[in-house]
Amino acid sequence: MNMKKSLLSLTAIVGLLSASVGFAVMPNNRSGYIDANTSATVDCSASRFFPGAPPGTTVENEQAGGLQTDFLITNISENKTLMITQINVYAMTTGAVIASYTPPSPPPPSSDPGDPVFKWKLKPHETTRLFKEAVLPPQEVANPNLLWNSVSFTVKAGNDTKILAPMVYADYAEYKTPALGGAIIDRIRANCVYR
């Protein structure tokens, strides 16, 4: 039985990674720029996925460790400000909008008070992190049950000029169960995709 669960867990994780890892398609042109006076949309996958459990299984009913997702957005421009103008979170199973954020209101912060606040405006070479708490329904942040969702970022140059497309990653962390100390077992970083 343990061997079957391990094989199911491995198969499920490989399937998740295969679905979410890919090279970004560049926006508006093939040179990796967002053109002047336009925005680009970047789509990412996120999860509270528990190996061996199908989507919809609640955290309380699955004893294995799971993946939680933060997001990293980096302005790779040398001299231009990057603006994040909208974040939409969708339930992967239904496509329904779970949450939508726009500036200047910040999305929910990390549960770790030492983590920095999310930034809507990034200076050259600056990175911000959207924390996992922001991609769960507000009523589930404290006791999350949602296992699958996807996140869409809208980005543009701060001064409506052409800008290098930012790097956007889904940052998965696999945790032990609380009974085993809750420590991070492994991290996986996957490219998000420009649409």
Protein backbone atom coordinates (compact mmCIF):
# COMPACT_ATOMS: atom_id res chain seq x y z
CA MET A 1 0.00 0.00 0.00
CA ASN A 2 2.85 2.40 0.89
CA MET A 3 4.54 1.60 -2.43
CA LYS A 4 1.34 2.36 -4.34
CA LYS A 5 0.91 5.68 -2.52
CA SER A 6 4.56 6.59 -3.23
CA LEU A 7 4.14 5.79 -6.93
CA LEU A 8 0.92 7.80 -7.08
CA SER A 9 2.65 10.70 -5.34
CA LEU A 10 5.58 10.64 -7.76
CA THR A 11 3.30 10.36 -10.78
CA ALA A 12 1.13 13.25 -9.56
CA ILE A 13 4.13 15.52 -8.93
CA VAL A 14 5.64 14.75 -12.34
CA GLY A 15 2.27 15.52 -13.95
CA LEU A 16 2.05 18.83 -12.11
CA LEU A 17 5.55 19.84 -13.16
CA SER A 18 5.00 18.79 -16.77
CA ALA A 19 1.89 20.95 -16.91
CA SER A 20 3.51 24.02 -15.37
CA VAL A 21 7.13 24.08 -16.55
CA GLY A 22 7.65 25.70 -19.93
CA PHE A 23 9.49 28.46 -21.68
CA ALA A 24 7.74 31.79 -21.65
CA VAL A 25 6.22 32.96 -24.91
CA MET A 26 7.36 36.53 -25.37
CA PRO A 27 4.74 39.28 -25.45
CA ASN A 28 3.95 41.49 -28.45
CA ASN A 29 7.16 40.64 -30.29
CA ARG A 30 9.80 37.95 -30.41
CA SER A 31 12.52 40.07 -28.81
CA GLY A 32 11.16 39.76 -25.29
CA TYR A 33 9.74 43.28 -24.98
CA ILE A 34 6.36 44.66 -24.01
CA ASP A 35 5.60 47.34 -26.59
CA ALA A 36 4.87 50.97 -25.69
CA ASN A 37 1.35 51.75 -24.45
CA THR A 38 0.47 48.06 -24.12
CA SER A 39 0.25 45.50 -21.33
CA ALA A 40 1.17 41.83 -21.27
CA THR A 41 -0.57 39.04 -19.40
CA VAL A 42 1.47 36.37 -17.61
CA ASP A 43 -0.29 33.16 -16.53
CA CYS A 44 0.99 30.96 -13.72
CA SER A 45 -0.13 27.76 -12.06
CA ALA A 46 -0.39 27.48 -8.30
CA SER A 47 -1.37 24.77 -5.91
CA ARG A 48 -1.79 23.42 -2.47
CA PHE A 49 -1.29 20.02 -4.02
CA PHE A 50 -0.98 16.98 -1.83
CA PRO A 51 0.72 13.97 -3.47
CA GLY A 52 -1.57 11.01 -4.00
CA ALA A 53 -4.72 13.10 -3.55
CA PRO A 54 -6.87 14.30 -6.46
CA PRO A 55 -7.89 17.97 -6.81
CA GLY A 56 -10.66 18.75 -4.35
CA THR A 57 -9.22 16.74 -1.46
CA THR A 58 -9.14 18.92 1.64
CA VAL A 59 -5.99 19.44 3.66
CA GLU A 60 -7.57 17.74 6.68
CA ASN A 61 -8.16 14.54 4.66
CA GLU A 62 -4.66 14.11 3.23
CA GLN A 63 -1.74 13.30 5.48
CA ALA A 64 1.14 13.64 2.98
CA GLY A 65 3.15 16.81 2.56
CA GLY A 66 2.10 19.38 -0.01
CA LEU A 67 3.21 22.13 -2.35
CA GLN A 68 2.44 25.76 -1.55
CA THR A 69 3.06 28.49 -4.10
CA ASP A 70 4.49 31.99 -3.94
CA PHE A 71 5.28 34.06 -7.07
CA LEU A 72 8.37 36.05 -8.00
CA ILE A 73 8.23 38.99 -10.43
CA THR A 74 11.56 40.59 -11.43
CA ASN A 75 12.03 43.75 -13.47
CA ILE A 76 15.03 42.93 -15.68
CA SER A 77 15.08 46.37 -17.31
CA GLU A 78 18.20 48.50 -16.92
CA ASN A 79 16.45 51.86 -16.57
CA LYS A 80 12.65 51.53 -16.63
CA THR A 81 10.04 51.04 -13.95
CA LEU A 82 7.77 48.00 -14.24
CA MET A 83 4.12 48.29 -13.22
CA ILE A 84 1.96 45.36 -12.11
CA THR A 85 -1.53 46.64 -12.85
CA GLN A 86 -3.78 43.65 -12.03
CA ILE A 87 -3.66 40.22 -10.44
CA ASN A 88 -6.50 37.73 -10.99
CA VAL A 89 -6.72 34.39 -9.23
CA TYR A 90 -8.84 31.65 -10.84
CA ALA A 91 -10.07 28.33 -9.49
CA MET A 92 -8.41 25.79 -11.75
CA THR A 93 -11.32 23.36 -11.59
CA THR A 94 -14.11 25.88 -12.37
CA GLY A 95 -12.37 28.91 -13.89
CA ALA A 96 -14.20 31.17 -11.44
CA VAL A 97 -12.41 34.28 -10.19
CA ILE A 98 -11.41 33.69 -6.56
CA ALA A 99 -9.76 37.07 -5.99
CA SER A 100 -8.76 40.15 -7.97
CA TYR A 101 -6.23 42.76 -6.85
CA THR A 102 -5.37 46.18 -8.31
CA PRO A 103 -3.14 48.99 -7.07
CA PRO A 104 -2.85 50.68 -4.72
CA SER A 105 -4.47 48.09 -2.43
CA PRO A 106 -1.92 45.42 -1.50
CA PRO A 107 -2.84 41.75 -1.71
CA PRO A 108 -2.82 39.77 1.57
CA PRO A 109 0.64 39.69 3.14
CA SER A 110 2.69 36.65 4.06
CA SER A 111 1.81 34.91 7.31
CA ASP A 112 5.47 35.44 8.24
CA PRO A 113 5.69 39.02 9.59
CA GLY A 114 9.35 39.20 8.53
CA ASP A 115 8.50 38.90 4.81
CA PRO A 116 8.43 42.12 2.75
CA VAL A 117 5.21 43.70 1.48
CA PHE A 118 4.22 43.04 -2.15
CA LYS A 119 5.10 45.93 -4.51
CA TRP A 120 3.02 47.09 -7.51
CA LYS A 121 5.87 49.20 -8.91
CA LEU A 122 9.35 47.72 -9.44
CA LYS A 123 12.55 49.65 -10.02
CA PRO A 124 15.15 48.24 -12.46
CA HIS A 125 16.41 44.84 -11.25
CA GLU A 126 13.97 44.82 -8.34
CA THR A 127 11.98 41.71 -7.36
CA THR A 128 8.70 41.39 -5.50
CA ARG A 129 6.93 38.30 -4.15
CA LEU A 130 3.23 37.55 -4.21
CA PHE A 131 2.69 35.29 -1.22
CA LYS A 132 0.64 32.10 -1.17
CA GLU A 133 -1.95 33.72 1.10
CA ALA A 134 -2.99 35.99 -1.80
CA VAL A 135 -3.94 33.12 -4.10
CA LEU A 136 -6.44 31.51 -1.75
CA PRO A 137 -10.03 32.62 -1.17
CA PRO A 138 -10.04 35.10 1.74
CA GLN A 139 -12.11 32.75 3.89
CA GLU A 140 -9.53 29.96 3.38
CA VAL A 141 -6.28 31.79 4.15
CA ALA A 142 -6.20 30.63 7.78
CA ASN A 143 -7.35 27.07 7.01
CA PRO A 144 -6.90 26.54 3.27
CA ASN A 145 -8.83 23.77 1.55
CA LEU A 146 -8.42 24.88 -2.06
CA LEU A 147 -5.90 22.67 -3.82
CA TRP A 148 -5.73 24.03 -7.36
CA ASN A 149 -5.78 27.52 -8.81
CA SER A 150 -4.07 29.72 -11.40
CA VAL A 151 -2.86 33.30 -11.30
CA SER A 152 -2.73 35.94 -14.03
CA PHE A 153 -0.51 39.06 -13.79
CA THR A 154 -0.94 42.12 -16.04
CA VAL A 155 2.34 44.03 -16.47
CA LYS A 156 3.51 47.12 -18.39
CA ALA A 157 6.15 49.83 -18.42
CA GLY A 158 5.66 52.55 -15.83
CA ASN A 159 5.96 55.34 -18.39
CA ASP A 160 4.18 53.75 -21.39
CA THR A 161 7.39 53.02 -23.29
CA LYS A 162 8.77 49.71 -24.50
CA ILE A 163 10.18 47.58 -21.67
CA LEU A 164 11.87 44.21 -21.33
CA ALA A 165 9.35 41.53 -20.35
CA PRO A 166 9.85 40.74 -16.65
CA MET A 167 10.77 37.32 -15.34
CA VAL A 168 7.79 35.73 -13.56
CA TYR A 169 8.05 32.43 -11.70
CA ALA A 170 5.80 30.17 -9.67
CA ASP A 171 7.84 29.17 -6.63
CA TYR A 172 6.59 25.85 -5.23
CA ALA A 173 7.66 24.70 -1.76
CA GLU A 174 6.98 21.19 -0.49
CA TYR A 175 6.40 20.99 3.24
CA LYS A 176 6.35 18.16 5.74
CA THR A 177 3.08 17.74 7.61
CA PRO A 178 2.77 19.75 10.86
CA ALA A 179 3.09 16.47 12.79
CA LEU A 180 6.56 16.05 11.25
CA GLY A 181 7.64 19.63 11.98
CA GLY A 182 6.30 21.44 8.90
CA ALA A 183 9.80 22.10 7.49
CA ILE A 184 10.38 22.67 3.76
CA ILE A 185 11.47 19.46 2.05
CA ASP A 186 12.08 20.81 -1.45
CA ARG A 187 11.59 23.84 -3.71
CA ILE A 188 10.65 23.89 -7.39
CA ARG A 189 10.59 27.03 -9.54
CA ALA A 190 8.64 27.08 -12.82
CA ASN A 191 8.45 29.75 -15.54
CA CYS A 192 5.09 31.41 -16.03
CA VAL A 193 3.79 31.89 -19.58
CA TYR A 194 3.07 35.09 -21.50
CA ARG A 195 -0.24 35.16 -23.39
